[in-house]
Protein backbone atom coordinates (compact mmCIF):
# COMPACT_ATOMS: atom_id res chain seq x y z
CA MET A 1 13.27 1.40 46.26
CA HIS A 2 16.68 1.08 47.85
CA GLN A 3 17.13 2.16 51.49
CA ASP A 4 19.82 4.70 50.48
CA CYS A 5 17.22 6.48 48.36
CA ILE A 6 15.32 7.54 51.48
CA GLU A 7 18.30 9.47 52.85
CA CYS A 8 18.91 11.01 49.44
CA ASP A 9 15.24 12.01 49.10
CA ILE A 10 15.28 13.70 52.51
CA ASN A 11 18.50 15.50 51.57
CA GLN A 12 16.82 16.62 48.37
CA MET A 13 14.07 18.21 50.46
CA LYS A 14 16.75 20.11 52.39
CA LYS A 15 18.33 21.29 49.13
CA ILE A 16 14.97 22.41 47.81
CA SER A 17 14.34 24.29 51.03
CA ALA A 18 17.67 26.09 50.78
CA PHE A 19 17.23 26.75 47.06
CA GLN A 20 13.73 28.16 47.60
CA GLN A 21 14.95 30.05 50.70
CA LEU A 22 12.15 28.63 52.82
CA ASP A 23 11.90 29.71 56.43
CA LYS A 24 12.64 27.12 59.12
CA GLN A 25 8.94 26.37 59.71
CA LYS A 26 8.34 25.62 56.00
CA GLU A 27 11.56 23.59 55.83
CA ASN A 28 10.44 21.47 58.78
CA GLN A 29 7.01 21.02 57.18
CA LEU A 30 8.64 19.97 53.93
CA ILE A 31 10.91 17.43 55.62
CA ARG A 32 8.09 16.09 57.83
CA THR A 33 5.86 15.64 54.77
CA ALA A 34 8.65 13.72 53.02
CA GLN A 35 9.45 11.59 56.06
CA ASP A 36 5.79 10.71 56.64
CA TYR A 37 5.30 9.76 53.01
CA LEU A 38 8.56 7.80 52.76
CA ALA A 39 7.72 5.85 55.93
CA THR A 40 4.52 4.49 54.39
CA CYS A 41 5.14 4.45 50.62
CA ASP A 42 5.16 1.33 48.49
CA ARG A 43 8.83 0.33 48.45
CA THR A 44 8.36 -1.98 45.51
CA LYS A 45 8.16 1.15 43.35
CA THR A 46 11.23 2.79 41.89
CA ASN A 47 12.61 5.95 43.41
CA PRO A 48 11.53 8.07 40.41
CA GLU A 49 7.96 6.80 40.88
CA ILE A 50 8.08 7.59 44.57
CA MET A 51 9.58 11.02 43.98
CA GLY A 52 6.80 11.78 41.49
CA GLU A 53 4.25 11.04 44.19
CA LEU A 54 6.23 13.01 46.76
CA TRP A 55 6.44 16.04 44.44
CA ALA A 56 2.63 16.04 44.27
CA LEU A 57 2.57 16.31 48.07
CA ILE A 58 5.23 18.98 48.52
CA LYS A 59 4.41 21.42 45.72
CA ASP A 60 1.93 23.29 47.93
CA VAL A 61 4.51 23.60 50.71
CA ILE A 62 7.20 25.01 48.41
CA GLY A 63 4.82 27.08 46.29
CA THR A 64 5.80 25.63 42.91
CA ASP A 65 5.75 22.33 41.08
CA ASN A 66 9.14 23.04 39.47
CA PRO A 67 11.64 24.78 41.78
CA TYR A 68 14.46 24.26 39.29
CA LYS A 69 12.63 25.77 36.30
CA GLU A 70 14.77 28.91 35.98
CA MET A 71 18.03 27.03 36.51
CA LYS A 72 17.09 24.39 33.95
CA SER A 73 16.13 27.09 31.48
CA TYR A 74 19.49 28.81 31.96
CA TYR A 75 21.47 25.61 31.33
CA ASN A 76 19.28 24.61 28.40
CA GLN A 77 20.09 27.97 26.79
CA LEU A 78 23.78 27.51 27.60
CA VAL A 79 23.90 24.12 25.89
CA LEU A 80 21.88 25.42 22.95
CA SER A 81 24.52 28.13 22.52
CA MET A 82 27.07 25.31 22.22
CA SER A 83 25.08 23.37 19.61
CA ASP A 84 27.34 24.25 16.66
CA MET A 85 30.41 23.11 18.56
CA LEU A 86 28.67 19.91 19.69
CA GLN A 87 27.45 19.20 16.16
CA SER A 88 31.01 19.68 14.92
CA LEU A 89 32.21 17.16 17.49
CA ILE A 90 29.68 14.65 16.20
CA ASP A 91 30.48 15.36 12.55
CA GLN A 92 34.23 14.96 13.10
CA SER A 93 33.98 11.76 15.10
CA GLY A 94 34.48 8.42 13.46
CA GLU A 95 31.32 7.10 15.09
CA ARG A 96 28.62 9.75 14.82
CA LEU A 97 25.93 7.72 16.57
CA GLU A 98 28.19 6.73 19.45
CA CYS A 99 29.43 10.30 19.81
CA GLY A 100 25.88 11.68 19.83
CA LEU A 101 24.84 9.12 22.39
CA LYS A 102 27.76 9.97 24.65
CA LEU A 103 26.91 13.66 24.50
CA ALA A 104 23.26 12.87 25.25
CA ILE A 105 24.29 10.75 28.22
CA ALA A 106 26.55 13.52 29.50
CA GLY A 107 23.64 15.95 29.33
CA ASN A 108 21.38 13.57 31.20
CA LEU A 109 23.91 13.12 33.99
CA ILE A 110 23.31 16.67 35.15
CA ASP A 111 20.70 16.36 37.86
CA PHE A 112 20.34 19.46 39.97
CA ALA A 113 18.56 17.63 42.74
CA ALA A 114 20.93 14.68 43.04
CA ARG A 115 23.47 14.01 45.74
CA HIS A 116 26.45 15.14 43.69
CA ARG A 117 27.41 18.73 42.99
CA PHE A 118 27.54 20.38 39.61
CA ALA A 119 29.95 23.24 39.00
CA GLY A 120 27.59 25.78 37.54
CA ASN A 121 30.15 27.46 35.29
CA CYS A 122 30.14 24.96 32.44
CA SER A 123 31.61 26.13 29.17
CA ALA A 124 32.96 24.60 25.97
CA PRO A 125 36.46 23.99 27.42
CA ASP A 126 34.87 21.96 30.24
CA ILE A 127 33.91 19.21 27.80
CA SER A 128 37.26 19.14 26.03
CA PRO A 129 38.51 15.99 27.82
CA VAL A 130 35.37 14.16 26.72
CA SER A 131 35.43 15.60 23.22
CA GLY A 132 39.12 14.76 22.76
CA ASN A 133 38.45 11.19 23.76
CA ILE A 134 35.46 10.97 21.42
CA GLN A 135 37.45 12.36 18.49
CA LYS A 136 40.16 9.75 19.02
CA GLY A 137 37.53 7.03 18.95
CA GLY A 138 38.32 6.09 22.52
CA ARG A 139 36.01 5.32 25.33
CA SER A 140 34.98 7.99 27.77
CA ASN A 141 33.86 7.53 31.33
CA LEU A 142 30.31 8.35 30.31
């Protein structure tokens, strides 16, 4: 586990607190639980392993084991509504496998708990720079 991950994990607790609209006492409990765990965890593990263990500790504090469930469901439905357009992109590309992989990678880059921000108003035109590049057989930044 990299040292920068600790700061990011604590910031994630703050985001979860805000997202769940926890009161200050619960937020402090959440952050303290994370800090205590992160101070003593096995740092030879990867951050995803550590976060899995941390989630097991904090789910009682936040009252759910999946605070992003509704948001994930919304975006899954949004992308499903774009499936015909995405399939067309793949079908029209010169490299179907590569195109499909790039789209899969783009979908996996969306991490609601990560440090970066995601503009929640994604629509088909938002992927046009990527799709144009894929159709031309060029490389994208994915």
